Amino acid sequence: MAKRENISSSVIRRLPRYYRFLLDLERQGIARISSKELAVRMSTTASQVRQDFNCFGEFGQQGIGYSVEQLRDEIETILGIKQHYPSILVGAGNIGTAIANQVIFESRCFDLVGIFDKDVNKIGKKIKNISIMSTDDIEYFCNKTTVMTAILCVPKEAAESLSHRLYDIGIRSFWNFSHYDLSMSLPDVIVENVHLSDSLMALCFRLNQTLNSEKL
């Protein structure tokens, strides 16, 4: 695998989709697939598929296509899914609980090692056999346990101070649901922002466009 620098964010965001489709193909017993067939499933073009994969190396053979298993394995390596990154969840509300119960434990690369909340009524309760601890204990916990990523599921007004505390103890990777822009005050962190309301507004736009076109 030949790694290249400056891979565009659009290519990176397509990789998980390729990965999901390849997993589905494996479950169906499909051993090989062409760029054209994969493009149809991805709603893109065969040229785009080839360009995306060429960012990382040569995976297919002209006239033969891609080995589904090999390509899935290559994308696993590119995405780092084979790694294990110890992570903590800060904020055990509705979103945080859903993530702990479903998303994180379905991922192969992030291991949830601690959950924190400021609500005294939640402290001591368990999510997936992990006891919720007080946010006051974050520094103590992280000084004893290796933590590479923090998942922030706290209100925007609480995110600034919490993110700086986490930064000060060495955490540089964040999955951020808080709507607080970490990169403004912590420009050297790796952050993936999740704005559920933005996604819903994008759906609203597409629905509105469809309804307006039907009226014409």
N, C-alpha and C. Protein backbone atom coordinates (compact mmCIF):
# COMPACT_ATOMS: atom_id res chain seq x y z
N MET A 1 0.84 -1.20 0.00
CA MET A 1 0.00 0.00 0.00
C MET A 1 0.87 1.24 0.00
N ALA A 2 0.74 2.08 -1.01
CA ALA A 2 1.52 3.30 -1.11
C ALA A 2 0.71 4.47 -0.55
N LYS A 3 1.17 4.98 0.56
CA LYS A 3 0.44 6.07 1.21
C LYS A 3 0.79 7.40 0.58
N ARG A 4 -0.20 8.22 0.31
CA ARG A 4 0.03 9.54 -0.25
C ARG A 4 -0.45 10.60 0.71
N GLU A 5 0.19 11.75 0.62
CA GLU A 5 -0.19 12.85 1.49
C GLU A 5 -1.34 13.64 0.87
N ASN A 6 -1.98 14.44 1.69
CA ASN A 6 -3.02 15.38 1.23
C ASN A 6 -4.18 14.69 0.53
N ILE A 7 -4.63 13.59 1.11
CA ILE A 7 -5.83 12.92 0.60
C ILE A 7 -7.02 13.81 0.92
N SER A 8 -7.88 14.04 -0.06
CA SER A 8 -9.01 14.95 0.15
C SER A 8 -10.00 14.35 1.14
N SER A 9 -10.71 15.23 1.84
CA SER A 9 -11.69 14.78 2.83
C SER A 9 -12.83 14.01 2.17
N SER A 10 -13.16 14.34 0.92
CA SER A 10 -14.24 13.63 0.23
C SER A 10 -13.86 12.17 -0.03
N VAL A 11 -12.60 11.92 -0.35
CA VAL A 11 -12.14 10.54 -0.53
C VAL A 11 -12.18 9.79 0.79
N ILE A 12 -11.71 10.44 1.85
CA ILE A 12 -11.69 9.81 3.17
C ILE A 12 -13.10 9.43 3.61
N ARG A 13 -14.06 10.31 3.33
CA ARG A 13 -15.43 10.04 3.76
C ARG A 13 -16.11 8.97 2.91
N ARG A 14 -15.57 8.70 1.74
CA ARG A 14 -16.13 7.61 0.93
C ARG A 14 -15.60 6.25 1.37
N LEU A 15 -14.43 6.22 1.99
CA LEU A 15 -13.83 4.94 2.36
C LEU A 15 -14.72 4.08 3.26
N PRO A 16 -15.34 4.65 4.32
CA PRO A 16 -16.23 3.81 5.14
C PRO A 16 -17.40 3.24 4.35
N ARG A 17 -17.89 3.98 3.34
CA ARG A 17 -18.98 3.46 2.51
C ARG A 17 -18.49 2.29 1.68
N TYR A 18 -17.30 2.43 1.08
CA TYR A 18 -16.72 1.30 0.35
C TYR A 18 -16.62 0.09 1.28
N TYR A 19 -16.15 0.34 2.47
CA TYR A 19 -15.94 -0.75 3.43
C TYR A 19 -17.24 -1.47 3.74
N ARG A 20 -18.32 -0.70 3.98
CA ARG A 20 -19.62 -1.32 4.28
C ARG A 20 -20.12 -2.16 3.11
N PHE A 21 -19.98 -1.62 1.89
CA PHE A 21 -20.44 -2.36 0.71
C PHE A 21 -19.63 -3.64 0.52
N LEU A 22 -18.33 -3.56 0.78
CA LEU A 22 -17.49 -4.74 0.62
C LEU A 22 -17.84 -5.81 1.65
N LEU A 23 -18.15 -5.41 2.87
CA LEU A 23 -18.61 -6.36 3.88
C LEU A 23 -19.89 -7.06 3.44
N ASP A 24 -20.80 -6.27 2.86
CA ASP A 24 -22.05 -6.85 2.36
C ASP A 24 -21.78 -7.85 1.24
N LEU A 25 -20.84 -7.50 0.35
CA LEU A 25 -20.50 -8.40 -0.76
C LEU A 25 -19.92 -9.71 -0.23
N GLU A 26 -19.06 -9.61 0.79
CA GLU A 26 -18.50 -10.82 1.39
C GLU A 26 -19.59 -11.71 1.97
N ARG A 27 -20.55 -11.09 2.65
CA ARG A 27 -21.65 -11.86 3.25
C ARG A 27 -22.47 -12.57 2.18
N GLN A 28 -22.53 -11.95 0.98
CA GLN A 28 -23.28 -12.55 -0.12
C GLN A 28 -22.46 -13.58 -0.89
N GLY A 29 -21.20 -13.77 -0.49
CA GLY A 29 -20.36 -14.76 -1.15
C GLY A 29 -19.76 -14.29 -2.46
N ILE A 30 -19.75 -12.98 -2.69
CA ILE A 30 -19.19 -12.43 -3.93
C ILE A 30 -17.69 -12.23 -3.75
N ALA A 31 -16.88 -12.84 -4.63
CA ALA A 31 -15.43 -12.83 -4.47
C ALA A 31 -14.75 -11.68 -5.21
N ARG A 32 -15.31 -11.27 -6.34
CA ARG A 32 -14.68 -10.22 -7.13
C ARG A 32 -15.74 -9.21 -7.57
N ILE A 33 -15.30 -7.98 -7.80
CA ILE A 33 -16.21 -6.95 -8.28
C ILE A 33 -15.42 -5.95 -9.12
N SER A 34 -16.04 -5.43 -10.16
CA SER A 34 -15.39 -4.45 -11.01
C SER A 34 -15.63 -3.05 -10.47
N SER A 35 -14.84 -2.09 -10.93
CA SER A 35 -15.04 -0.71 -10.51
C SER A 35 -16.40 -0.20 -10.97
N LYS A 36 -16.86 -0.70 -12.14
CA LYS A 36 -18.17 -0.29 -12.65
C LYS A 36 -19.28 -0.78 -11.73
N GLU A 37 -19.21 -2.04 -11.31
CA GLU A 37 -20.23 -2.61 -10.43
C GLU A 37 -20.22 -1.93 -9.07
N LEU A 38 -19.02 -1.65 -8.55
CA LEU A 38 -18.91 -0.96 -7.27
C LEU A 38 -19.43 0.46 -7.38
N ALA A 39 -19.19 1.10 -8.53
CA ALA A 39 -19.66 2.46 -8.74
C ALA A 39 -21.19 2.53 -8.73
N VAL A 40 -21.83 1.53 -9.28
CA VAL A 40 -23.30 1.50 -9.29
C VAL A 40 -23.82 1.45 -7.86
N ARG A 41 -23.21 0.62 -7.03
CA ARG A 41 -23.63 0.51 -5.63
C ARG A 41 -23.36 1.78 -4.86
N MET A 42 -22.31 2.51 -5.24
CA MET A 42 -21.92 3.74 -4.55
C MET A 42 -22.59 4.98 -5.13
N SER A 43 -23.34 4.81 -6.23
CA SER A 43 -23.96 5.94 -6.94
C SER A 43 -22.91 6.95 -7.38
N THR A 44 -21.83 6.43 -7.96
CA THR A 44 -20.77 7.29 -8.48
C THR A 44 -20.31 6.70 -9.82
N THR A 45 -19.13 7.04 -10.28
CA THR A 45 -18.63 6.54 -11.56
C THR A 45 -17.45 5.59 -11.33
N ALA A 46 -17.23 4.73 -12.31
CA ALA A 46 -16.11 3.80 -12.23
C ALA A 46 -14.79 4.56 -12.17
N SER A 47 -14.72 5.67 -12.89
CA SER A 47 -13.51 6.51 -12.86
C SER A 47 -13.24 7.04 -11.47
N GLN A 48 -14.31 7.46 -10.77
CA GLN A 48 -14.15 7.98 -9.41
C GLN A 48 -13.66 6.88 -8.47
N VAL A 49 -14.21 5.69 -8.61
CA VAL A 49 -13.79 4.56 -7.77
C VAL A 49 -12.30 4.30 -7.96
N ARG A 50 -11.86 4.25 -9.22
CA ARG A 50 -10.44 3.97 -9.49
C ARG A 50 -9.56 5.09 -8.96
N GLN A 51 -9.99 6.34 -9.13
CA GLN A 51 -9.21 7.47 -8.63
C GLN A 51 -9.09 7.42 -7.11
N ASP A 52 -10.19 7.07 -6.43
CA ASP A 52 -10.16 6.98 -4.96
C ASP A 52 -9.12 5.95 -4.51
N PHE A 53 -9.17 4.76 -5.12
CA PHE A 53 -8.26 3.70 -4.69
C PHE A 53 -6.82 3.98 -5.10
N ASN A 54 -6.62 4.69 -6.22
CA ASN A 54 -5.28 5.02 -6.66
C ASN A 54 -4.57 5.98 -5.71
N CYS A 55 -5.35 6.64 -4.84
CA CYS A 55 -4.73 7.51 -3.83
C CYS A 55 -3.88 6.71 -2.85
N PHE A 56 -4.15 5.39 -2.77
CA PHE A 56 -3.49 4.57 -1.77
C PHE A 56 -2.68 3.42 -2.35
N GLY A 57 -2.78 3.21 -3.65
CA GLY A 57 -2.02 2.14 -4.27
C GLY A 57 -2.83 1.47 -5.36
N GLU A 58 -2.26 0.42 -5.93
CA GLU A 58 -2.91 -0.33 -7.00
C GLU A 58 -3.50 -1.61 -6.41
N PHE A 59 -4.83 -1.70 -6.39
CA PHE A 59 -5.48 -2.83 -5.75
C PHE A 59 -6.13 -3.81 -6.72
N GLY A 60 -6.56 -3.33 -7.88
CA GLY A 60 -7.28 -4.18 -8.82
C GLY A 60 -6.43 -4.55 -10.02
N GLN A 61 -7.00 -5.38 -10.90
CA GLN A 61 -6.36 -5.78 -12.14
C GLN A 61 -7.30 -5.48 -13.29
N GLN A 62 -6.76 -4.84 -14.32
CA GLN A 62 -7.59 -4.48 -15.47
C GLN A 62 -8.19 -5.73 -16.11
N GLY A 63 -9.49 -5.68 -16.32
CA GLY A 63 -10.19 -6.80 -16.93
C GLY A 63 -10.62 -7.87 -15.94
N ILE A 64 -10.09 -7.80 -14.71
CA ILE A 64 -10.42 -8.80 -13.69
C ILE A 64 -11.18 -8.17 -12.52
N GLY A 65 -10.85 -6.92 -12.22
CA GLY A 65 -11.53 -6.23 -11.13
C GLY A 65 -10.80 -6.38 -9.81
N TYR A 66 -11.55 -6.23 -8.74
CA TYR A 66 -10.98 -6.26 -7.40
C TYR A 66 -11.37 -7.54 -6.66
N SER A 67 -10.42 -8.07 -5.92
CA SER A 67 -10.76 -9.11 -4.96
C SER A 67 -11.48 -8.45 -3.79
N VAL A 68 -12.70 -8.86 -3.52
CA VAL A 68 -13.50 -8.25 -2.46
C VAL A 68 -12.79 -8.37 -1.11
N GLU A 69 -12.29 -9.56 -0.81
CA GLU A 69 -11.62 -9.78 0.48
C GLU A 69 -10.35 -8.94 0.61
N GLN A 70 -9.55 -8.91 -0.46
CA GLN A 70 -8.29 -8.16 -0.41
C GLN A 70 -8.56 -6.66 -0.30
N LEU A 71 -9.53 -6.16 -1.06
CA LEU A 71 -9.84 -4.74 -1.02
C LEU A 71 -10.41 -4.34 0.33
N ARG A 72 -11.27 -5.19 0.90
CA ARG A 72 -11.78 -4.91 2.24
C ARG A 72 -10.66 -4.86 3.26
N ASP A 73 -9.71 -5.80 3.11
CA ASP A 73 -8.57 -5.84 4.03
C ASP A 73 -7.70 -4.59 3.87
N GLU A 74 -7.50 -4.15 2.64
CA GLU A 74 -6.70 -2.95 2.39
C GLU A 74 -7.36 -1.71 3.01
N ILE A 75 -8.68 -1.61 2.86
CA ILE A 75 -9.38 -0.45 3.41
C ILE A 75 -9.36 -0.50 4.94
N GLU A 76 -9.45 -1.68 5.51
CA GLU A 76 -9.31 -1.81 6.96
C GLU A 76 -7.98 -1.23 7.43
N THR A 77 -6.93 -1.54 6.68
CA THR A 77 -5.60 -1.04 7.03
C THR A 77 -5.52 0.46 6.86
N ILE A 78 -6.07 0.97 5.75
CA ILE A 78 -6.04 2.42 5.49
C ILE A 78 -6.78 3.18 6.58
N LEU A 79 -7.94 2.68 6.96
CA LEU A 79 -8.76 3.35 7.98
C LEU A 79 -8.21 3.15 9.39
N GLY A 80 -7.33 2.17 9.56
CA GLY A 80 -6.80 1.90 10.89
C GLY A 80 -7.73 1.10 11.76
N ILE A 81 -8.67 0.40 11.14
CA ILE A 81 -9.66 -0.36 11.90
C ILE A 81 -9.01 -1.50 12.69
N LYS A 82 -7.85 -1.94 12.23
CA LYS A 82 -7.17 -3.04 12.91
C LYS A 82 -6.48 -2.57 14.20
N GLN A 83 -6.40 -1.25 14.39
CA GLN A 83 -5.80 -0.71 15.61
C GLN A 83 -6.83 -0.70 16.73
N HIS A 84 -6.37 -0.46 17.94
CA HIS A 84 -7.27 -0.35 19.09
C HIS A 84 -6.90 0.91 19.86
N TYR A 85 -7.83 1.87 19.87
CA TYR A 85 -7.59 3.15 20.51
C TYR A 85 -8.45 3.26 21.77
N PRO A 86 -7.83 3.25 22.95
CA PRO A 86 -8.61 3.40 24.18
C PRO A 86 -9.27 4.78 24.23
N SER A 87 -10.56 4.79 24.56
CA SER A 87 -11.35 6.01 24.48
C SER A 87 -12.22 6.18 25.71
N ILE A 88 -12.53 7.44 26.01
CA ILE A 88 -13.48 7.72 27.09
C ILE A 88 -14.66 8.49 26.53
N LEU A 89 -15.79 8.32 27.16
CA LEU A 89 -17.01 9.03 26.81
C LEU A 89 -17.32 10.03 27.92
N VAL A 90 -17.47 11.29 27.55
CA VAL A 90 -17.80 12.33 28.52
C VAL A 90 -19.20 12.84 28.23
N GLY A 91 -20.13 12.53 29.11
CA GLY A 91 -21.53 12.89 28.92
C GLY A 91 -22.37 11.65 28.67
N ALA A 92 -23.03 11.17 29.73
CA ALA A 92 -23.82 9.93 29.62
C ALA A 92 -25.31 10.22 29.51
N GLY A 93 -25.65 11.24 28.72
CA GLY A 93 -27.05 11.54 28.45
C GLY A 93 -27.59 10.61 27.37
N ASN A 94 -28.65 11.06 26.70
CA ASN A 94 -29.29 10.19 25.69
C ASN A 94 -28.34 9.82 24.55
N ILE A 95 -27.65 10.84 23.99
CA ILE A 95 -26.74 10.57 22.87
C ILE A 95 -25.55 9.74 23.34
N GLY A 96 -24.96 10.13 24.46
CA GLY A 96 -23.82 9.39 24.97
C GLY A 96 -24.15 7.94 25.28
N THR A 97 -25.30 7.71 25.86
CA THR A 97 -25.71 6.34 26.19
C THR A 97 -25.92 5.53 24.92
N ALA A 98 -26.55 6.14 23.92
CA ALA A 98 -26.77 5.43 22.65
C ALA A 98 -25.44 5.07 21.99
N ILE A 99 -24.49 5.99 22.02
CA ILE A 99 -23.17 5.72 21.44
C ILE A 99 -22.48 4.59 22.18
N ALA A 100 -22.51 4.64 23.51
CA ALA A 100 -21.86 3.59 24.31
C ALA A 100 -22.50 2.23 24.06
N ASN A 101 -23.82 2.21 23.92
CA ASN A 101 -24.54 0.95 23.75
C ASN A 101 -24.43 0.36 22.35
N GLN A 102 -24.33 1.24 21.35
CA GLN A 102 -24.41 0.76 19.98
C GLN A 102 -23.16 1.05 19.17
N VAL A 103 -22.85 2.33 18.97
CA VAL A 103 -21.85 2.71 17.97
C VAL A 103 -20.46 2.24 18.35
N ILE A 104 -20.01 2.60 19.55
CA ILE A 104 -18.64 2.29 19.93
C ILE A 104 -18.38 0.79 19.96
N PHE A 105 -19.32 0.03 20.49
CA PHE A 105 -19.08 -1.40 20.64
C PHE A 105 -19.23 -2.14 19.32
N GLU A 106 -19.73 -1.47 18.28
CA GLU A 106 -19.77 -2.07 16.96
C GLU A 106 -18.51 -1.74 16.17
N SER A 107 -17.71 -0.81 16.68
CA SER A 107 -16.47 -0.41 16.02
C SER A 107 -15.35 -1.36 16.44
N ARG A 108 -14.42 -1.59 15.51
CA ARG A 108 -13.30 -2.47 15.82
C ARG A 108 -12.11 -1.69 16.37
N CYS A 109 -12.09 -0.39 16.21
CA CYS A 109 -10.86 0.34 16.49
C CYS A 109 -10.89 1.17 17.77
N PHE A 110 -12.05 1.47 18.31
CA PHE A 110 -12.13 2.27 19.52
C PHE A 110 -12.65 1.41 20.68
N ASP A 111 -11.83 1.34 21.71
CA ASP A 111 -12.20 0.57 22.90
C ASP A 111 -12.62 1.55 23.99
N LEU A 112 -13.86 1.44 24.43
CA LEU A 112 -14.36 2.32 25.48
C LEU A 112 -13.84 1.83 26.83
N VAL A 113 -13.06 2.70 27.50
CA VAL A 113 -12.46 2.30 28.77
C VAL A 113 -12.99 3.10 29.96
N GLY A 114 -13.74 4.16 29.69
CA GLY A 114 -14.28 4.95 30.79
C GLY A 114 -15.43 5.84 30.35
N ILE A 115 -16.38 6.06 31.26
CA ILE A 115 -17.54 6.92 31.00
C ILE A 115 -17.66 7.91 32.15
N PHE A 116 -17.90 9.17 31.80
CA PHE A 116 -17.95 10.22 32.83
C PHE A 116 -19.19 11.10 32.65
N ASP A 117 -19.69 11.57 33.77
CA ASP A 117 -20.82 12.50 33.77
C ASP A 117 -20.77 13.32 35.06
N LYS A 118 -21.38 14.51 35.02
CA LYS A 118 -21.38 15.34 36.23
C LYS A 118 -22.63 15.11 37.08
N ASP A 119 -23.62 14.43 36.54
CA ASP A 119 -24.88 14.18 37.25
C ASP A 119 -24.66 13.14 38.34
N VAL A 120 -24.81 13.52 39.58
CA VAL A 120 -24.57 12.60 40.70
C VAL A 120 -25.52 11.41 40.68
N ASN A 121 -26.68 11.58 40.06
CA ASN A 121 -27.66 10.49 39.98
C ASN A 121 -27.24 9.40 38.98
N LYS A 122 -26.30 9.73 38.11
CA LYS A 122 -25.83 8.75 37.13
C LYS A 122 -24.55 8.05 37.58
N ILE A 123 -23.79 8.71 38.45
CA ILE A 123 -22.50 8.17 38.88
C ILE A 123 -22.71 6.85 39.62
N GLY A 124 -21.95 5.85 39.21
CA GLY A 124 -22.07 4.51 39.80
C GLY A 124 -22.93 3.57 38.98
N LYS A 125 -23.81 4.12 38.14
CA LYS A 125 -24.61 3.27 37.26
C LYS A 125 -23.73 2.76 36.13
N LYS A 126 -24.17 1.71 35.46
CA LYS A 126 -23.35 1.08 34.45
C LYS A 126 -23.97 1.15 33.06
N ILE A 127 -23.12 1.32 32.08
CA ILE A 127 -23.48 1.18 30.68
C ILE A 127 -22.52 0.17 30.08
N LYS A 128 -23.05 -0.93 29.58
CA LYS A 128 -22.23 -2.00 29.03
C LYS A 128 -21.16 -2.45 30.02
N ASN A 129 -21.56 -2.56 31.27
CA ASN A 129 -20.68 -3.03 32.35
C ASN A 129 -19.55 -2.06 32.68
N ILE A 130 -19.66 -0.83 32.22
CA ILE A 130 -18.68 0.20 32.59
C ILE A 130 -19.37 1.18 33.53
N SER A 131 -18.84 1.35 34.72
CA SER A 131 -19.43 2.25 35.71
C SER A 131 -19.19 3.70 35.33
N ILE A 132 -20.24 4.51 35.42
CA ILE A 132 -20.12 5.94 35.15
C ILE A 132 -19.40 6.61 36.32
N MET A 133 -18.38 7.38 36.00
CA MET A 133 -17.60 8.10 37.00
C MET A 133 -17.87 9.59 36.92
N SER A 134 -17.51 10.30 37.96
CA SER A 134 -17.67 11.75 37.99
C SER A 134 -16.64 12.42 37.07
N THR A 135 -17.07 13.49 36.41
CA THR A 135 -16.14 14.24 35.58
C THR A 135 -15.00 14.82 36.41
N ASP A 136 -15.20 14.94 37.71
CA ASP A 136 -14.12 15.43 38.58
C ASP A 136 -12.93 14.46 38.60
N ASP A 137 -13.18 13.21 38.21
CA ASP A 137 -12.14 12.18 38.30
C ASP A 137 -11.44 11.92 36.97
N ILE A 138 -11.71 12.74 35.96
CA ILE A 138 -11.14 12.50 34.63
C ILE A 138 -9.61 12.50 34.68
N GLU A 139 -9.02 13.51 35.30
CA GLU A 139 -7.56 13.60 35.33
C GLU A 139 -6.95 12.39 36.04
N TYR A 140 -7.51 12.03 37.18
CA TYR A 140 -7.01 10.90 37.94
C TYR A 140 -7.06 9.62 37.10
N PHE A 141 -8.20 9.40 36.45
CA PHE A 141 -8.38 8.20 35.63
C PHE A 141 -7.38 8.18 34.48
N CYS A 142 -7.25 9.30 33.77
CA CYS A 142 -6.40 9.34 32.59
C CYS A 142 -4.92 9.28 32.95
N ASN A 143 -4.57 9.67 34.14
CA ASN A 143 -3.19 9.55 34.58
C ASN A 143 -2.82 8.11 34.89
N LYS A 144 -3.82 7.27 35.15
CA LYS A 144 -3.58 5.87 35.45
C LYS A 144 -3.85 4.96 34.25
N THR A 145 -4.63 5.46 33.30
CA THR A 145 -5.06 4.65 32.16
C THR A 145 -4.72 5.36 30.86
N THR A 146 -4.19 4.63 29.91
CA THR A 146 -3.90 5.22 28.60
C THR A 146 -5.21 5.54 27.88
N VAL A 147 -5.36 6.79 27.47
CA VAL A 147 -6.56 7.23 26.74
C VAL A 147 -6.09 8.04 25.54
N MET A 148 -6.59 7.69 24.36
CA MET A 148 -6.17 8.39 23.15
C MET A 148 -7.27 9.27 22.56
N THR A 149 -8.53 8.92 22.83
CA THR A 149 -9.65 9.65 22.22
C THR A 149 -10.71 9.95 23.26
N ALA A 150 -11.30 11.13 23.15
CA ALA A 150 -12.43 11.50 24.00
C ALA A 150 -13.65 11.74 23.13
N ILE A 151 -14.77 11.17 23.55
CA ILE A 151 -16.04 11.39 22.86
C ILE A 151 -16.83 12.38 23.69
N LEU A 152 -17.06 13.57 23.15
CA LEU A 152 -17.73 14.64 23.89
C LEU A 152 -19.21 14.67 23.55
N CYS A 153 -20.03 14.31 24.52
CA CYS A 153 -21.49 14.36 24.37
C CYS A 153 -22.06 15.26 25.45
N VAL A 154 -21.51 16.46 25.54
CA VAL A 154 -21.91 17.42 26.58
C VAL A 154 -22.45 18.68 25.90
N PRO A 155 -23.19 19.51 26.64
CA PRO A 155 -23.67 20.77 26.07
C PRO A 155 -22.51 21.66 25.63
N LYS A 156 -22.79 22.51 24.68
CA LYS A 156 -21.75 23.39 24.12
C LYS A 156 -21.06 24.20 25.20
N GLU A 157 -21.85 24.69 26.17
CA GLU A 157 -21.28 25.55 27.21
C GLU A 157 -20.32 24.81 28.14
N ALA A 158 -20.42 23.48 28.18
CA ALA A 158 -19.51 22.70 29.04
C ALA A 158 -18.30 22.19 28.27
N ALA A 159 -18.38 22.20 26.96
CA ALA A 159 -17.35 21.56 26.14
C ALA A 159 -16.02 22.28 26.18
N GLU A 160 -16.03 23.60 26.27
CA GLU A 160 -14.77 24.34 26.22
C GLU A 160 -13.84 23.95 27.37
N SER A 161 -14.36 24.04 28.60
CA SER A 161 -13.50 23.73 29.75
C SER A 161 -13.12 22.26 29.77
N LEU A 162 -14.05 21.38 29.42
CA LEU A 162 -13.75 19.95 29.42
C LEU A 162 -12.71 19.60 28.37
N SER A 163 -12.83 20.16 27.19
CA SER A 163 -11.87 19.85 26.13
C SER A 163 -10.47 20.34 26.50
N HIS A 164 -10.39 21.49 27.18
CA HIS A 164 -9.08 21.99 27.60
C HIS A 164 -8.49 21.12 28.70
N ARG A 165 -9.33 20.63 29.59
CA ARG A 165 -8.84 19.71 30.62
C ARG A 165 -8.29 18.44 29.99
N LEU A 166 -9.01 17.92 29.03
CA LEU A 166 -8.59 16.70 28.35
C LEU A 166 -7.31 16.94 27.54
N TYR A 167 -7.23 18.10 26.93
CA TYR A 167 -6.04 18.46 26.17
C TYR A 167 -4.82 18.54 27.10
N ASP A 168 -5.01 19.12 28.26
CA ASP A 168 -3.91 19.31 29.21
C ASP A 168 -3.35 17.99 29.74
N ILE A 169 -4.15 16.91 29.66
CA ILE A 169 -3.64 15.61 30.12
C ILE A 169 -3.22 14.74 28.94
N GLY A 170 -3.14 15.37 27.76
CA GLY A 170 -2.53 14.69 26.62
C GLY A 170 -3.44 14.14 25.56
N ILE A 171 -4.75 14.33 25.67
CA ILE A 171 -5.67 13.80 24.66
C ILE A 171 -5.71 14.76 23.47
N ARG A 172 -5.50 14.23 22.28
CA ARG A 172 -5.44 15.05 21.07
C ARG A 172 -6.44 14.62 20.00
N SER A 173 -7.30 13.69 20.35
CA SER A 173 -8.27 13.16 19.39
C SER A 173 -9.66 13.23 20.00
N PHE A 174 -10.61 13.82 19.26
CA PHE A 174 -11.95 14.04 19.79
C PHE A 174 -13.01 13.67 18.76
N TRP A 175 -14.03 12.96 19.23
CA TRP A 175 -15.28 12.79 18.47
C TRP A 175 -16.27 13.70 19.16
N ASN A 176 -16.63 14.77 18.48
CA ASN A 176 -17.27 15.90 19.15
C ASN A 176 -18.73 16.07 18.75
N PHE A 177 -19.63 15.84 19.71
CA PHE A 177 -21.07 16.03 19.50
C PHE A 177 -21.57 17.33 20.16
N SER A 178 -20.66 18.14 20.66
CA SER A 178 -21.06 19.25 21.54
C SER A 178 -21.46 20.53 20.82
N HIS A 179 -21.14 20.64 19.51
CA HIS A 179 -21.37 21.87 18.73
C HIS A 179 -20.38 22.98 19.12
N TYR A 180 -19.42 22.68 19.98
CA TYR A 180 -18.36 23.63 20.29
C TYR A 180 -17.20 23.37 19.33
N ASP A 181 -16.66 24.44 18.73
CA ASP A 181 -15.60 24.30 17.75
C ASP A 181 -14.25 24.17 18.44
N LEU A 182 -13.81 22.96 18.67
CA LEU A 182 -12.55 22.72 19.37
C LEU A 182 -11.35 23.28 18.62
N SER A 183 -11.41 23.24 17.28
CA SER A 183 -10.25 23.64 16.49
C SER A 183 -9.94 25.13 16.61
N MET A 184 -10.89 25.92 17.07
CA MET A 184 -10.64 27.35 17.24
C MET A 184 -9.65 27.61 18.37
N SER A 185 -9.79 26.91 19.46
CA SER A 185 -8.91 27.13 20.62
C SER A 185 -7.83 26.06 20.74
N LEU A 186 -8.03 24.90 20.07
CA LEU A 186 -7.06 23.81 20.12
C LEU A 186 -6.74 23.38 18.68
N PRO A 187 -5.99 24.20 17.96
CA PRO A 187 -5.81 23.97 16.52
C PRO A 187 -5.04 22.71 16.16
N ASP A 188 -4.32 22.11 17.11
CA ASP A 188 -3.51 20.94 16.77
C ASP A 188 -4.20 19.62 17.10
N VAL A 189 -5.49 19.66 17.49
CA VAL A 189 -6.18 18.41 17.79
C VAL A 189 -6.75 17.79 16.53
N ILE A 190 -6.96 16.48 16.59
CA ILE A 190 -7.70 15.77 15.55
C ILE A 190 -9.14 15.70 16.02
N VAL A 191 -10.05 16.26 15.24
CA VAL A 191 -11.44 16.30 15.69
C VAL A 191 -12.38 15.95 14.56
N GLU A 192 -13.34 15.13 14.87
CA GLU A 192 -14.44 14.82 13.95
C GLU A 192 -15.71 15.34 14.60
N ASN A 193 -16.27 16.39 14.00
CA ASN A 193 -17.47 17.02 14.53
C ASN A 193 -18.72 16.35 13.99
N VAL A 194 -19.67 16.10 14.85
CA VAL A 194 -20.94 15.50 14.45
C VAL A 194 -22.06 16.47 14.82
N HIS A 195 -22.72 17.00 13.79
CA HIS A 195 -23.84 17.92 14.00
C HIS A 195 -25.11 17.26 13.48
N LEU A 196 -25.84 16.64 14.36
CA LEU A 196 -27.06 15.94 13.95
C LEU A 196 -28.08 16.89 13.34
N SER A 197 -28.14 18.12 13.89
CA SER A 197 -29.11 19.10 13.37
C SER A 197 -28.75 19.50 11.94
N ASP A 198 -27.45 19.55 11.61
CA ASP A 198 -27.04 19.88 10.25
C ASP A 198 -27.53 18.81 9.28
N SER A 199 -27.40 17.56 9.69
CA SER A 199 -27.86 16.46 8.84
C SER A 199 -29.36 16.53 8.63
N LEU A 200 -30.09 16.87 9.68
CA LEU A 200 -31.54 16.97 9.58
C LEU A 200 -31.95 18.13 8.68
N MET A 201 -31.21 19.25 8.76
CA MET A 201 -31.51 20.39 7.90
C MET A 201 -31.19 20.08 6.44
N ALA A 202 -30.14 19.28 6.21
CA ALA A 202 -29.82 18.87 4.84
C ALA A 202 -30.95 18.00 4.28
N LEU A 203 -31.50 17.12 5.12
CA LEU A 203 -32.65 16.31 4.70
C LEU A 203 -33.84 17.21 4.41
N CYS A 204 -34.05 18.21 5.24
CA CYS A 204 -35.14 19.16 5.05
C CYS A 204 -35.00 19.88 3.71
N PHE A 205 -33.78 20.29 3.38
CA PHE A 205 -33.52 20.97 2.10
C PHE A 205 -33.89 20.07 0.93
N ARG A 206 -33.44 18.80 0.99
CA ARG A 206 -33.70 17.89 -0.12
C ARG A 206 -35.18 17.60 -0.26
N LEU A 207 -35.87 17.47 0.86
CA LEU A 207 -37.32 17.26 0.83
C LEU A 207 -38.02 18.48 0.25
N ASN A 208 -37.57 19.67 0.67
CA ASN A 208 -38.16 20.90 0.17
C ASN A 208 -37.96 21.06 -1.33
N GLN A 209 -36.74 20.70 -1.81
CA GLN A 209 -36.45 20.78 -3.24
C GLN A 209 -37.36 19.84 -4.04
N THR A 210 -37.55 18.63 -3.50
CA THR A 210 -38.40 17.66 -4.19
C THR A 210 -39.85 18.12 -4.25
N LEU A 211 -40.36 18.63 -3.15
CA LEU A 211 -41.74 19.09 -3.12
C LEU A 211 -41.94 20.28 -4.04
N ASN A 212 -40.95 21.19 -4.07
CA ASN A 212 -41.06 22.36 -4.95
C ASN A 212 -41.03 21.96 -6.41
N SER A 213 -40.18 20.97 -6.75
CA SER A 213 -40.11 20.55 -8.15
C SER A 213 -41.40 19.87 -8.60
N GLU A 214 -42.08 19.21 -7.66
CA GLU A 214 -43.35 18.55 -8.00
C GLU A 214 -44.46 19.57 -8.25
N LYS A 215 -44.29 20.76 -7.71
CA LYS A 215 -45.30 21.79 -7.91
C LYS A 215 -45.17 22.50 -9.24
N LEU A 216 -43.99 22.35 -9.88
CA LEU A 216 -43.75 23.05 -11.15
C LEU A 216 -44.51 22.40 -12.30
